[in-house]
Amino acid sequence: MTDLTFSCVGARPEPFGTGPTLLFRLRIEAADDARIHAVALRCQIRIEPVQRRYAPAEVEMLGDLFGEPERWSTTLKPLQFAHASVTVPGFTGSTEIELPVACTYDMEVASAKYFRALADGEIPLLLLFSGTVFSGDRGFTAEPVAWHKEANFRMPVKVWQDLIEQYFPGSGWLRIRDDTLESLRRFRSERALPSWERAFDELLRTAGVPAPGGSGQGGRS
């Protein structure tokens, strides 16, 4: 069986994506400088939250994912981040390619909640590989990528922050029920408020909560 070794050597935001996408740079090495015609590569990416320490503010933000800190010895379980695939062009010996991974900023998704809770440092990731290797000096053979192939990668939190700032500058997302949204629409319309930010500011004001200034320019219905 053709033996491949995988490592992740970097990650960056896709600068021209139609949606938020991270590019993970993978290094692939073939044992004995074998000739590889192509690899149909699949990758499952998991977050390994137990592999880092958390500041008090981060602990507070992660409460809805993992519960009280006293329970973290049993609740700090791996989180699914993404599935991705890429076709690796032919190479001999070793090569490097970029694996595009589509991301979400939906705060109901556990991975996005986790990323947003982190102020700095690194995000511990585990990349699990599978797929098909096409190799051979004469003709080619098709073999599965060995099931145990994986790679650890500690992605800087700033990479995620830069990605979100690129696609959603200075903003975030909330998901609410349709009937709640309709009530908010009526509230905004009755008061002729020019944006959703102004609508929320007004609700905060009537509740006696100081609203941040300068938030009335964005938002669309």
N, C-alpha and C. Protein backbone atom coordinates (compact mmCIF):
# COMPACT_ATOMS: atom_id res chain seq x y z
N MET A 1 0.84 -1.21 0.00
CA MET A 1 0.00 0.00 0.00
C MET A 1 0.87 1.25 0.00
N THR A 2 0.49 2.23 -0.81
CA THR A 2 1.22 3.50 -0.85
C THR A 2 1.03 4.23 0.48
N ASP A 3 2.16 4.58 1.11
CA ASP A 3 2.10 5.21 2.43
C ASP A 3 2.24 6.72 2.29
N LEU A 4 1.22 7.45 2.68
CA LEU A 4 1.25 8.91 2.66
C LEU A 4 1.27 9.45 4.08
N THR A 5 2.02 10.52 4.27
CA THR A 5 2.05 11.23 5.55
C THR A 5 1.51 12.63 5.34
N PHE A 6 0.61 13.07 6.23
CA PHE A 6 -0.03 14.37 6.10
C PHE A 6 0.36 15.28 7.25
N SER A 7 0.53 16.55 6.95
CA SER A 7 0.71 17.57 7.99
C SER A 7 0.05 18.86 7.50
N CYS A 8 -0.39 19.66 8.46
CA CYS A 8 -0.99 20.96 8.14
C CYS A 8 0.01 22.02 8.56
N VAL A 9 0.40 22.87 7.62
CA VAL A 9 1.48 23.82 7.88
C VAL A 9 1.01 25.26 7.95
N GLY A 10 -0.29 25.50 7.78
CA GLY A 10 -0.79 26.87 7.87
C GLY A 10 -2.25 26.96 7.49
N ALA A 11 -2.83 28.12 7.76
CA ALA A 11 -4.22 28.39 7.39
C ALA A 11 -4.38 29.88 7.18
N ARG A 12 -5.26 30.25 6.25
CA ARG A 12 -5.51 31.67 5.96
C ARG A 12 -6.91 31.83 5.40
N PRO A 13 -7.49 33.02 5.54
CA PRO A 13 -8.79 33.27 4.91
C PRO A 13 -8.66 33.29 3.39
N GLU A 14 -9.65 32.74 2.71
CA GLU A 14 -9.74 32.86 1.25
C GLU A 14 -10.10 34.30 0.92
N PRO A 15 -9.24 35.03 0.20
CA PRO A 15 -9.51 36.46 0.00
C PRO A 15 -10.62 36.75 -1.00
N PHE A 16 -10.97 35.81 -1.87
CA PHE A 16 -11.93 36.09 -2.94
C PHE A 16 -13.10 35.11 -2.94
N GLY A 17 -13.41 34.51 -1.82
CA GLY A 17 -14.49 33.54 -1.76
C GLY A 17 -15.85 34.20 -1.83
N THR A 18 -16.85 33.46 -2.30
CA THR A 18 -18.22 33.97 -2.31
C THR A 18 -18.85 33.91 -0.92
N GLY A 19 -18.27 33.14 -0.04
CA GLY A 19 -18.68 33.05 1.36
C GLY A 19 -17.45 32.80 2.21
N PRO A 20 -17.59 32.89 3.53
CA PRO A 20 -16.41 32.73 4.39
C PRO A 20 -15.77 31.35 4.22
N THR A 21 -14.52 31.34 3.83
CA THR A 21 -13.79 30.11 3.54
C THR A 21 -12.38 30.20 4.09
N LEU A 22 -11.94 29.15 4.76
CA LEU A 22 -10.55 29.05 5.21
C LEU A 22 -9.79 28.13 4.27
N LEU A 23 -8.54 28.47 4.02
CA LEU A 23 -7.66 27.63 3.21
C LEU A 23 -6.60 27.01 4.13
N PHE A 24 -6.67 25.69 4.29
CA PHE A 24 -5.68 24.97 5.09
C PHE A 24 -4.59 24.44 4.16
N ARG A 25 -3.34 24.79 4.47
CA ARG A 25 -2.22 24.34 3.63
C ARG A 25 -1.73 22.99 4.13
N LEU A 26 -1.84 21.98 3.28
CA LEU A 26 -1.46 20.63 3.64
C LEU A 26 -0.17 20.23 2.94
N ARG A 27 0.68 19.56 3.67
CA ARG A 27 1.88 18.95 3.07
C ARG A 27 1.66 17.45 3.05
N ILE A 28 1.87 16.86 1.88
CA ILE A 28 1.67 15.42 1.70
C ILE A 28 2.98 14.81 1.24
N GLU A 29 3.43 13.78 1.94
CA GLU A 29 4.68 13.11 1.60
C GLU A 29 4.42 11.64 1.33
N ALA A 30 5.00 11.15 0.24
CA ALA A 30 4.87 9.74 -0.12
C ALA A 30 6.15 9.00 0.26
N ALA A 31 6.01 7.88 0.93
CA ALA A 31 7.18 7.11 1.34
C ALA A 31 7.97 6.64 0.12
N ASP A 32 9.28 6.60 0.28
CA ASP A 32 10.18 6.12 -0.78
C ASP A 32 10.07 6.93 -2.06
N ASP A 33 9.70 8.21 -1.93
CA ASP A 33 9.57 9.09 -3.10
C ASP A 33 8.68 8.47 -4.18
N ALA A 34 7.63 7.83 -3.77
CA ALA A 34 6.73 7.17 -4.72
C ALA A 34 6.09 8.18 -5.65
N ARG A 35 5.77 7.73 -6.85
CA ARG A 35 5.09 8.56 -7.83
C ARG A 35 3.59 8.46 -7.60
N ILE A 36 2.97 9.61 -7.38
CA ILE A 36 1.53 9.67 -7.14
C ILE A 36 0.88 10.38 -8.33
N HIS A 37 -0.09 9.71 -8.95
CA HIS A 37 -0.78 10.32 -10.10
C HIS A 37 -1.82 11.34 -9.64
N ALA A 38 -2.52 11.04 -8.56
CA ALA A 38 -3.54 11.95 -8.01
C ALA A 38 -4.03 11.36 -6.69
N VAL A 39 -4.67 12.22 -5.90
CA VAL A 39 -5.31 11.76 -4.67
C VAL A 39 -6.69 12.42 -4.59
N ALA A 40 -7.72 11.61 -4.47
CA ALA A 40 -9.06 12.13 -4.18
C ALA A 40 -9.17 12.16 -2.66
N LEU A 41 -8.91 13.33 -2.09
CA LEU A 41 -8.71 13.43 -0.64
C LEU A 41 -9.94 13.99 0.05
N ARG A 42 -10.33 13.34 1.14
CA ARG A 42 -11.41 13.82 2.01
C ARG A 42 -10.82 14.11 3.39
N CYS A 43 -11.38 15.09 4.05
CA CYS A 43 -10.86 15.49 5.34
C CYS A 43 -11.99 15.86 6.30
N GLN A 44 -11.97 15.28 7.46
CA GLN A 44 -12.87 15.66 8.54
C GLN A 44 -12.05 16.46 9.55
N ILE A 45 -12.56 17.63 9.94
CA ILE A 45 -11.83 18.49 10.87
C ILE A 45 -12.61 18.59 12.17
N ARG A 46 -11.94 18.28 13.28
CA ARG A 46 -12.55 18.34 14.59
C ARG A 46 -11.82 19.35 15.47
N ILE A 47 -12.56 19.99 16.36
CA ILE A 47 -11.98 20.86 17.38
C ILE A 47 -11.73 20.01 18.61
N GLU A 48 -10.54 20.16 19.20
CA GLU A 48 -10.16 19.41 20.39
C GLU A 48 -10.05 20.39 21.57
N PRO A 49 -11.18 20.79 22.17
CA PRO A 49 -11.15 21.86 23.18
C PRO A 49 -10.35 21.55 24.41
N VAL A 50 -10.13 20.29 24.73
CA VAL A 50 -9.38 19.94 25.93
C VAL A 50 -7.89 20.26 25.78
N GLN A 51 -7.45 20.56 24.57
CA GLN A 51 -6.03 20.76 24.29
C GLN A 51 -5.54 22.18 24.51
N ARG A 52 -6.33 23.06 25.15
CA ARG A 52 -5.87 24.41 25.43
C ARG A 52 -6.44 24.89 26.76
N ARG A 53 -5.84 25.97 27.28
CA ARG A 53 -6.32 26.61 28.49
C ARG A 53 -7.23 27.78 28.12
N TYR A 54 -8.08 28.20 29.07
CA TYR A 54 -9.07 29.24 28.80
C TYR A 54 -9.01 30.32 29.87
N ALA A 55 -9.05 31.58 29.41
CA ALA A 55 -9.11 32.72 30.33
C ALA A 55 -10.50 32.77 30.96
N PRO A 56 -10.63 33.45 32.12
CA PRO A 56 -11.95 33.52 32.78
C PRO A 56 -13.07 34.02 31.88
N ALA A 57 -12.79 35.05 31.06
CA ALA A 57 -13.84 35.56 30.16
C ALA A 57 -14.24 34.51 29.12
N GLU A 58 -13.29 33.70 28.67
CA GLU A 58 -13.59 32.64 27.71
C GLU A 58 -14.42 31.54 28.37
N VAL A 59 -14.08 31.21 29.61
CA VAL A 59 -14.85 30.20 30.35
C VAL A 59 -16.32 30.62 30.44
N GLU A 60 -16.55 31.88 30.72
CA GLU A 60 -17.92 32.39 30.82
C GLU A 60 -18.65 32.26 29.49
N MET A 61 -17.96 32.61 28.40
CA MET A 61 -18.58 32.55 27.07
C MET A 61 -18.88 31.11 26.63
N LEU A 62 -18.14 30.15 27.17
CA LEU A 62 -18.29 28.76 26.75
C LEU A 62 -19.29 27.98 27.61
N GLY A 63 -19.95 28.67 28.53
CA GLY A 63 -20.86 27.99 29.44
C GLY A 63 -21.98 27.26 28.75
N ASP A 64 -22.54 27.84 27.66
CA ASP A 64 -23.67 27.18 27.00
C ASP A 64 -23.24 25.96 26.18
N LEU A 65 -21.93 25.84 25.92
CA LEU A 65 -21.43 24.65 25.22
C LEU A 65 -21.04 23.53 26.17
N PHE A 66 -20.34 23.90 27.25
CA PHE A 66 -19.74 22.89 28.12
C PHE A 66 -20.26 22.90 29.55
N GLY A 67 -21.15 23.83 29.87
CA GLY A 67 -21.67 23.88 31.22
C GLY A 67 -20.71 24.54 32.20
N GLU A 68 -20.94 24.32 33.48
CA GLU A 68 -20.10 24.90 34.52
C GLU A 68 -18.69 24.31 34.46
N PRO A 69 -17.67 25.13 34.77
CA PRO A 69 -16.29 24.64 34.70
C PRO A 69 -16.04 23.37 35.52
N GLU A 70 -16.79 23.19 36.61
CA GLU A 70 -16.61 22.00 37.44
C GLU A 70 -16.94 20.72 36.68
N ARG A 71 -17.71 20.85 35.60
CA ARG A 71 -18.11 19.68 34.82
C ARG A 71 -17.23 19.46 33.60
N TRP A 72 -16.27 20.33 33.36
CA TRP A 72 -15.52 20.27 32.12
C TRP A 72 -14.70 18.99 31.97
N SER A 73 -14.38 18.32 33.04
CA SER A 73 -13.63 17.07 32.93
C SER A 73 -14.41 16.02 32.15
N THR A 74 -15.74 16.17 32.11
CA THR A 74 -16.57 15.21 31.37
C THR A 74 -17.26 15.83 30.16
N THR A 75 -17.40 17.15 30.11
CA THR A 75 -18.15 17.78 29.02
C THR A 75 -17.26 18.36 27.91
N LEU A 76 -15.97 18.48 28.15
CA LEU A 76 -15.08 19.10 27.17
C LEU A 76 -14.74 18.09 26.08
N LYS A 77 -15.72 17.79 25.25
CA LYS A 77 -15.59 16.77 24.21
C LYS A 77 -15.26 17.41 22.86
N PRO A 78 -14.71 16.63 21.92
CA PRO A 78 -14.44 17.16 20.58
C PRO A 78 -15.70 17.68 19.91
N LEU A 79 -15.53 18.73 19.09
CA LEU A 79 -16.62 19.33 18.34
C LEU A 79 -16.35 19.16 16.85
N GLN A 80 -17.39 18.79 16.12
CA GLN A 80 -17.25 18.70 14.67
C GLN A 80 -17.15 20.10 14.07
N PHE A 81 -16.15 20.34 13.25
CA PHE A 81 -16.00 21.63 12.59
C PHE A 81 -16.44 21.56 11.14
N ALA A 82 -15.86 20.66 10.35
CA ALA A 82 -16.16 20.67 8.91
C ALA A 82 -15.76 19.37 8.25
N HIS A 83 -16.38 19.12 7.10
CA HIS A 83 -15.94 18.09 6.15
C HIS A 83 -15.54 18.82 4.87
N ALA A 84 -14.46 18.40 4.27
CA ALA A 84 -14.00 19.05 3.04
C ALA A 84 -13.31 18.02 2.16
N SER A 85 -13.20 18.34 0.88
CA SER A 85 -12.52 17.43 -0.05
C SER A 85 -11.77 18.25 -1.09
N VAL A 86 -10.75 17.63 -1.67
CA VAL A 86 -9.95 18.29 -2.69
C VAL A 86 -9.28 17.22 -3.54
N THR A 87 -9.05 17.51 -4.82
CA THR A 87 -8.28 16.61 -5.68
C THR A 87 -6.84 17.08 -5.71
N VAL A 88 -5.94 16.21 -5.30
CA VAL A 88 -4.52 16.56 -5.25
C VAL A 88 -3.88 16.17 -6.58
N PRO A 89 -3.26 17.12 -7.29
CA PRO A 89 -2.60 16.78 -8.56
C PRO A 89 -1.42 15.84 -8.33
N GLY A 90 -0.95 15.23 -9.42
CA GLY A 90 0.15 14.29 -9.35
C GLY A 90 1.44 14.91 -8.82
N PHE A 91 2.23 14.09 -8.14
CA PHE A 91 3.52 14.53 -7.61
C PHE A 91 4.41 13.32 -7.35
N THR A 92 5.66 13.58 -7.15
CA THR A 92 6.61 12.54 -6.77
C THR A 92 7.30 12.98 -5.49
N GLY A 93 7.22 12.16 -4.49
CA GLY A 93 7.89 12.47 -3.23
C GLY A 93 7.02 13.25 -2.27
N SER A 94 6.80 14.53 -2.56
CA SER A 94 5.99 15.37 -1.67
C SER A 94 5.39 16.53 -2.45
N THR A 95 4.37 17.13 -1.85
CA THR A 95 3.71 18.29 -2.45
C THR A 95 2.99 19.05 -1.36
N GLU A 96 2.57 20.27 -1.68
CA GLU A 96 1.74 21.07 -0.79
C GLU A 96 0.53 21.58 -1.58
N ILE A 97 -0.64 21.51 -0.95
CA ILE A 97 -1.87 21.99 -1.58
C ILE A 97 -2.69 22.74 -0.53
N GLU A 98 -3.70 23.48 -1.00
CA GLU A 98 -4.59 24.17 -0.08
C GLU A 98 -5.97 23.51 -0.10
N LEU A 99 -6.47 23.24 1.08
CA LEU A 99 -7.78 22.61 1.25
C LEU A 99 -8.79 23.68 1.63
N PRO A 100 -9.75 24.00 0.75
CA PRO A 100 -10.77 25.01 1.09
C PRO A 100 -11.83 24.44 2.02
N VAL A 101 -12.13 25.18 3.08
CA VAL A 101 -13.12 24.75 4.07
C VAL A 101 -14.14 25.88 4.25
N ALA A 102 -15.38 25.62 3.85
CA ALA A 102 -16.45 26.61 4.02
C ALA A 102 -16.80 26.73 5.51
N CYS A 103 -17.01 27.96 5.96
CA CYS A 103 -17.27 28.23 7.38
C CYS A 103 -18.61 28.95 7.54
N THR A 104 -19.12 28.91 8.76
CA THR A 104 -20.36 29.61 9.08
C THR A 104 -20.14 30.53 10.26
N TYR A 105 -20.96 31.61 10.32
CA TYR A 105 -20.94 32.49 11.48
C TYR A 105 -22.27 32.41 12.22
N ASP A 106 -23.04 31.35 11.92
CA ASP A 106 -24.31 31.13 12.60
C ASP A 106 -24.01 30.76 14.04
N MET A 107 -24.43 31.60 14.99
CA MET A 107 -24.10 31.40 16.38
C MET A 107 -24.87 30.24 17.03
N GLU A 108 -25.78 29.59 16.27
CA GLU A 108 -26.42 28.38 16.77
C GLU A 108 -25.56 27.15 16.50
N VAL A 109 -24.51 27.29 15.70
CA VAL A 109 -23.62 26.19 15.37
C VAL A 109 -22.50 26.14 16.41
N ALA A 110 -22.25 24.96 16.96
CA ALA A 110 -21.31 24.83 18.08
C ALA A 110 -19.92 25.33 17.74
N SER A 111 -19.42 25.03 16.53
CA SER A 111 -18.06 25.46 16.19
C SER A 111 -17.94 26.98 16.17
N ALA A 112 -18.95 27.68 15.62
CA ALA A 112 -18.91 29.14 15.58
C ALA A 112 -19.01 29.72 16.99
N LYS A 113 -19.82 29.12 17.85
CA LYS A 113 -19.89 29.57 19.25
C LYS A 113 -18.52 29.45 19.91
N TYR A 114 -17.88 28.32 19.68
CA TYR A 114 -16.57 28.07 20.28
C TYR A 114 -15.54 29.09 19.80
N PHE A 115 -15.47 29.29 18.49
CA PHE A 115 -14.49 30.23 17.94
C PHE A 115 -14.71 31.64 18.46
N ARG A 116 -15.95 32.06 18.51
CA ARG A 116 -16.25 33.42 18.94
C ARG A 116 -15.89 33.64 20.42
N ALA A 117 -15.95 32.58 21.21
CA ALA A 117 -15.66 32.70 22.64
C ALA A 117 -14.18 32.93 22.92
N LEU A 118 -13.30 32.63 21.97
CA LEU A 118 -11.86 32.70 22.21
C LEU A 118 -11.34 34.09 21.89
N ALA A 119 -10.57 34.65 22.84
CA ALA A 119 -10.03 36.00 22.66
C ALA A 119 -8.72 35.98 21.89
N ASP A 120 -7.87 35.02 22.17
CA ASP A 120 -6.58 34.93 21.48
C ASP A 120 -6.03 33.52 21.67
N GLY A 121 -4.75 33.36 21.33
CA GLY A 121 -4.16 32.02 21.44
C GLY A 121 -4.40 31.20 20.19
N GLU A 122 -4.58 29.90 20.37
CA GLU A 122 -4.70 28.98 19.25
C GLU A 122 -5.91 28.07 19.42
N ILE A 123 -6.41 27.59 18.28
CA ILE A 123 -7.54 26.66 18.25
C ILE A 123 -6.97 25.28 17.93
N PRO A 124 -7.09 24.32 18.86
CA PRO A 124 -6.55 22.98 18.61
C PRO A 124 -7.46 22.18 17.68
N LEU A 125 -6.93 21.80 16.53
CA LEU A 125 -7.71 21.07 15.52
C LEU A 125 -7.08 19.71 15.25
N LEU A 126 -7.92 18.76 14.89
CA LEU A 126 -7.45 17.45 14.45
C LEU A 126 -8.04 17.20 13.07
N LEU A 127 -7.17 16.93 12.09
CA LEU A 127 -7.60 16.66 10.72
C LEU A 127 -7.49 15.16 10.47
N LEU A 128 -8.61 14.55 10.09
CA LEU A 128 -8.68 13.11 9.84
C LEU A 128 -8.87 12.89 8.34
N PHE A 129 -7.99 12.09 7.74
CA PHE A 129 -7.96 11.97 6.28
C PHE A 129 -8.49 10.62 5.80
N SER A 130 -9.11 10.65 4.63
CA SER A 130 -9.53 9.45 3.94
C SER A 130 -9.54 9.77 2.45
N GLY A 131 -9.90 8.78 1.64
CA GLY A 131 -9.94 9.03 0.20
C GLY A 131 -9.27 7.93 -0.59
N THR A 132 -8.87 8.25 -1.82
CA THR A 132 -8.29 7.26 -2.72
C THR A 132 -7.00 7.80 -3.32
N VAL A 133 -5.96 6.96 -3.32
CA VAL A 133 -4.65 7.31 -3.90
C VAL A 133 -4.49 6.57 -5.21
N PHE A 134 -4.12 7.30 -6.25
CA PHE A 134 -3.83 6.70 -7.56
C PHE A 134 -2.32 6.80 -7.76
N SER A 135 -1.64 5.66 -7.81
CA SER A 135 -0.18 5.66 -7.85
C SER A 135 0.32 4.57 -8.79
N GLY A 136 1.65 4.54 -8.97
CA GLY A 136 2.28 3.50 -9.78
C GLY A 136 3.22 4.08 -10.81
N ASP A 137 4.35 3.38 -11.06
CA ASP A 137 5.31 3.82 -12.08
C ASP A 137 4.87 3.42 -13.48
N ARG A 138 4.17 2.31 -13.57
CA ARG A 138 3.67 1.84 -14.85
C ARG A 138 2.16 1.64 -14.71
N GLY A 139 1.40 2.44 -15.44
CA GLY A 139 -0.03 2.43 -15.23
C GLY A 139 -0.32 3.00 -13.85
N PHE A 140 -1.44 2.59 -13.26
CA PHE A 140 -1.70 3.07 -11.91
C PHE A 140 -2.58 2.09 -11.17
N THR A 141 -2.47 2.18 -9.85
CA THR A 141 -3.32 1.40 -8.96
C THR A 141 -4.12 2.37 -8.10
N ALA A 142 -5.29 1.95 -7.68
CA ALA A 142 -6.13 2.76 -6.80
C ALA A 142 -6.18 2.10 -5.43
N GLU A 143 -5.80 2.85 -4.41
CA GLU A 143 -5.75 2.33 -3.04
C GLU A 143 -6.41 3.34 -2.10
N PRO A 144 -7.00 2.88 -1.01
CA PRO A 144 -7.57 3.81 -0.04
C PRO A 144 -6.48 4.49 0.78
N VAL A 145 -6.74 5.73 1.18
CA VAL A 145 -5.89 6.38 2.16
C VAL A 145 -6.10 5.64 3.48
N ALA A 146 -5.01 5.29 4.13
CA ALA A 146 -5.10 4.52 5.37
C ALA A 146 -5.98 5.23 6.39
N TRP A 147 -6.85 4.48 7.06
CA TRP A 147 -7.88 5.06 7.94
C TRP A 147 -7.28 5.82 9.12
N HIS A 148 -6.03 5.50 9.51
CA HIS A 148 -5.46 6.13 10.69
C HIS A 148 -4.69 7.41 10.39
N LYS A 149 -4.72 7.89 9.16
CA LYS A 149 -3.95 9.07 8.81
C LYS A 149 -4.63 10.33 9.36
N GLU A 150 -3.87 11.12 10.11
CA GLU A 150 -4.40 12.34 10.72
C GLU A 150 -3.27 13.33 10.96
N ALA A 151 -3.65 14.55 11.31
CA ALA A 151 -2.65 15.59 11.58
C ALA A 151 -3.23 16.57 12.58
N ASN A 152 -2.43 16.99 13.53
CA ASN A 152 -2.82 18.03 14.48
C ASN A 152 -2.41 19.40 13.93
N PHE A 153 -3.21 20.40 14.22
CA PHE A 153 -2.87 21.76 13.80
C PHE A 153 -3.45 22.73 14.82
N ARG A 154 -2.64 23.67 15.25
CA ARG A 154 -3.08 24.70 16.18
C ARG A 154 -3.24 26.01 15.39
N MET A 155 -4.48 26.28 15.00
CA MET A 155 -4.76 27.46 14.18
C MET A 155 -4.86 28.70 15.07
N PRO A 156 -4.11 29.74 14.76
CA PRO A 156 -4.24 30.98 15.54
C PRO A 156 -5.68 31.50 15.53
N VAL A 157 -6.17 31.90 16.69
CA VAL A 157 -7.51 32.47 16.78
C VAL A 157 -7.65 33.66 15.83
N LYS A 158 -6.57 34.40 15.64
CA LYS A 158 -6.62 35.59 14.79
C LYS A 158 -6.99 35.23 13.35
N VAL A 159 -6.65 34.04 12.89
CA VAL A 159 -7.04 33.62 11.53
C VAL A 159 -8.55 33.61 11.42
N TRP A 160 -9.23 33.05 12.42
CA TRP A 160 -10.70 33.05 12.41
C TRP A 160 -11.24 34.47 12.53
N GLN A 161 -10.67 35.26 13.41
CA GLN A 161 -11.15 36.63 13.59
C GLN A 161 -10.99 37.44 12.30
N ASP A 162 -9.86 37.26 11.60
CA ASP A 162 -9.64 37.96 10.33
C ASP A 162 -10.65 37.52 9.28
N LEU A 163 -10.96 36.21 9.27
CA LEU A 163 -11.94 35.69 8.31
C LEU A 163 -13.30 36.34 8.52
N ILE A 164 -13.78 36.37 9.75
CA ILE A 164 -15.09 36.92 10.04
C ILE A 164 -15.12 38.43 9.80
N GLU A 165 -14.05 39.11 10.14
CA GLU A 165 -14.00 40.55 9.90
C GLU A 165 -14.00 40.86 8.40
N GLN A 166 -13.42 39.97 7.62
CA GLN A 166 -13.38 40.17 6.16
C GLN A 166 -14.77 40.06 5.55
N TYR A 167 -15.57 39.08 6.03
CA TYR A 167 -16.87 38.83 5.43
C TYR A 167 -18.01 39.54 6.15
N PHE A 168 -17.88 39.75 7.46
CA PHE A 168 -18.93 40.39 8.25
C PHE A 168 -18.31 41.48 9.12
N PRO A 169 -17.77 42.53 8.52
CA PRO A 169 -17.04 43.54 9.30
C PRO A 169 -17.89 44.20 10.37
N GLY A 170 -17.42 44.13 11.61
CA GLY A 170 -18.07 44.82 12.72
C GLY A 170 -19.49 44.38 13.00
N SER A 171 -19.85 43.14 12.67
CA SER A 171 -21.25 42.72 12.83
C SER A 171 -21.32 41.25 13.21
N GLY A 172 -22.52 40.80 13.55
CA GLY A 172 -22.77 39.41 13.88
C GLY A 172 -24.16 39.02 13.44
N TRP A 173 -24.56 37.78 13.72
CA TRP A 173 -25.84 37.27 13.26
C TRP A 173 -26.65 36.73 14.43
N LEU A 174 -27.96 36.92 14.36
CA LEU A 174 -28.89 36.34 15.31
C LEU A 174 -29.96 35.58 14.54
N ARG A 175 -30.34 34.39 15.03
CA ARG A 175 -31.44 33.65 14.43
C ARG A 175 -32.61 33.66 15.40
N ILE A 176 -33.79 34.08 14.91
CA ILE A 176 -34.97 34.16 15.76
C ILE A 176 -36.16 33.56 15.03
N ARG A 177 -37.22 33.24 15.77
CA ARG A 177 -38.42 32.65 15.17
C ARG A 177 -39.10 33.65 14.24
N ASP A 178 -39.86 33.11 13.29
CA ASP A 178 -40.55 33.96 12.32
C ASP A 178 -41.53 34.92 12.99
N ASP A 179 -42.27 34.44 14.01
CA ASP A 179 -43.25 35.33 14.63
C ASP A 179 -42.57 36.45 15.41
N THR A 180 -41.39 36.13 16.01
CA THR A 180 -40.64 37.19 16.69
C THR A 180 -40.11 38.20 15.69
N LEU A 181 -39.63 37.73 14.55
CA LEU A 181 -39.14 38.63 13.52
C LEU A 181 -40.26 39.53 13.01
N GLU A 182 -41.46 38.96 12.84
CA GLU A 182 -42.59 39.77 12.37
C GLU A 182 -42.95 40.86 13.38
N SER A 183 -42.90 40.53 14.66
CA SER A 183 -43.16 41.54 15.69
C SER A 183 -42.11 42.65 15.65
N LEU A 184 -40.87 42.26 15.43
CA LEU A 184 -39.80 43.25 15.32
C LEU A 184 -40.00 44.14 14.09
N ARG A 185 -40.46 43.55 12.99
CA ARG A 185 -40.72 44.34 11.78
C ARG A 185 -41.79 45.40 12.06
N ARG A 186 -42.86 44.98 12.75
CA ARG A 186 -43.92 45.93 13.06
C ARG A 186 -43.41 47.03 14.00
N PHE A 187 -42.63 46.64 14.99
CA PHE A 187 -42.06 47.61 15.92
C PHE A 187 -41.22 48.63 15.17
N ARG A 188 -40.40 48.16 14.24
CA ARG A 188 -39.52 49.05 13.47
C ARG A 188 -40.34 49.96 12.55
N SER A 189 -41.36 49.37 11.90
CA SER A 189 -42.17 50.14 10.96
C SER A 189 -42.99 51.22 11.68
N GLU A 190 -43.59 50.87 12.81
CA GLU A 190 -44.42 51.84 13.55
C GLU A 190 -43.62 53.05 13.99
N ARG A 191 -42.34 52.85 14.26
CA ARG A 191 -41.50 53.95 14.73
C ARG A 191 -40.63 54.55 13.65
N ALA A 192 -40.81 54.07 12.40
CA ALA A 192 -40.05 54.57 11.25
C ALA A 192 -38.55 54.55 11.53
N LEU A 193 -38.08 53.45 12.11
CA LEU A 193 -36.66 53.33 12.41
C LEU A 193 -35.91 52.89 11.15
N PRO A 194 -34.81 53.56 10.82
CA PRO A 194 -34.16 53.32 9.53
C PRO A 194 -33.36 52.03 9.44
N SER A 195 -33.08 51.34 10.54
CA SER A 195 -32.24 50.15 10.48
C SER A 195 -32.59 49.21 11.63
N TRP A 196 -32.15 47.97 11.50
CA TRP A 196 -32.35 47.01 12.58
C TRP A 196 -31.57 47.42 13.83
N GLU A 197 -30.38 47.99 13.64
CA GLU A 197 -29.61 48.45 14.79
C GLU A 197 -30.37 49.49 15.59
N ARG A 198 -31.03 50.43 14.89
CA ARG A 198 -31.82 51.44 15.59
C ARG A 198 -33.01 50.81 16.31
N ALA A 199 -33.58 49.76 15.73
CA ALA A 199 -34.70 49.08 16.37
C ALA A 199 -34.25 48.42 17.68
N PHE A 200 -33.11 47.76 17.64
CA PHE A 200 -32.60 47.14 18.86
C PHE A 200 -32.17 48.19 19.87
N ASP A 201 -31.57 49.28 19.39
CA ASP A 201 -31.21 50.38 20.30
C ASP A 201 -32.45 50.90 21.04
N GLU A 202 -33.56 51.05 20.30
CA GLU A 202 -34.78 51.56 20.90
C GLU A 202 -35.35 50.58 21.93
N LEU A 203 -35.29 49.30 21.61
CA LEU A 203 -35.75 48.29 22.56
C LEU A 203 -34.88 48.30 23.83
N LEU A 204 -33.58 48.43 23.66
CA LEU A 204 -32.69 48.49 24.82
C LEU A 204 -32.97 49.76 25.64
N ARG A 205 -33.22 50.87 24.95
CA ARG A 205 -33.48 52.12 25.66
C ARG A 205 -34.75 52.01 26.50
N THR A 206 -35.82 51.45 25.92
CA THR A 206 -37.06 51.32 26.67
C THR A 206 -36.94 50.34 27.82
N ALA A 207 -35.97 49.40 27.72
CA ALA A 207 -35.73 48.46 28.81
C ALA A 207 -34.78 49.03 29.86
N GLY A 208 -34.29 50.26 29.61
CA GLY A 208 -33.39 50.88 30.57
C GLY A 208 -31.96 50.42 30.45
N VAL A 209 -31.61 49.80 29.31
CA VAL A 209 -30.24 49.34 29.09
C VAL A 209 -29.55 50.29 28.12
N PRO A 210 -28.42 50.86 28.50
CA PRO A 210 -27.73 51.78 27.59
C PRO A 210 -27.31 51.07 26.32
N ALA A 211 -27.67 51.62 25.18
CA ALA A 211 -27.30 51.04 23.90
C ALA A 211 -26.01 51.65 23.41
N PRO A 212 -25.17 50.93 22.71
CA PRO A 212 -23.94 51.50 22.16
C PRO A 212 -24.25 52.58 21.14
N GLY A 213 -23.43 53.59 21.07
CA GLY A 213 -23.64 54.67 20.10
C GLY A 213 -23.12 54.28 18.74
N GLY A 214 -23.60 55.02 17.75
CA GLY A 214 -23.08 54.87 16.38
C GLY A 214 -23.50 53.59 15.70
N SER A 215 -24.62 52.98 16.12
CA SER A 215 -25.02 51.72 15.52
C SER A 215 -26.24 51.85 14.63
N GLY A 216 -26.58 53.04 14.21
CA GLY A 216 -27.84 53.20 13.46
C GLY A 216 -27.70 53.27 11.97
N GLN A 217 -26.51 52.93 11.42
CA GLN A 217 -26.33 53.12 9.98
C GLN A 217 -26.53 51.86 9.17
N GLY A 218 -26.38 50.68 9.82
CA GLY A 218 -26.45 49.46 9.02
C GLY A 218 -27.82 48.84 9.06
N GLY A 219 -27.87 47.61 8.54
CA GLY A 219 -29.10 46.83 8.61
C GLY A 219 -29.98 46.99 7.42
N ARG A 220 -30.57 45.87 6.98
CA ARG A 220 -31.52 45.90 5.88
C ARG A 220 -32.67 44.98 6.23
N SER A 221 -33.83 45.30 5.70
CA SER A 221 -34.98 44.42 5.93
C SER A 221 -34.91 43.24 4.99
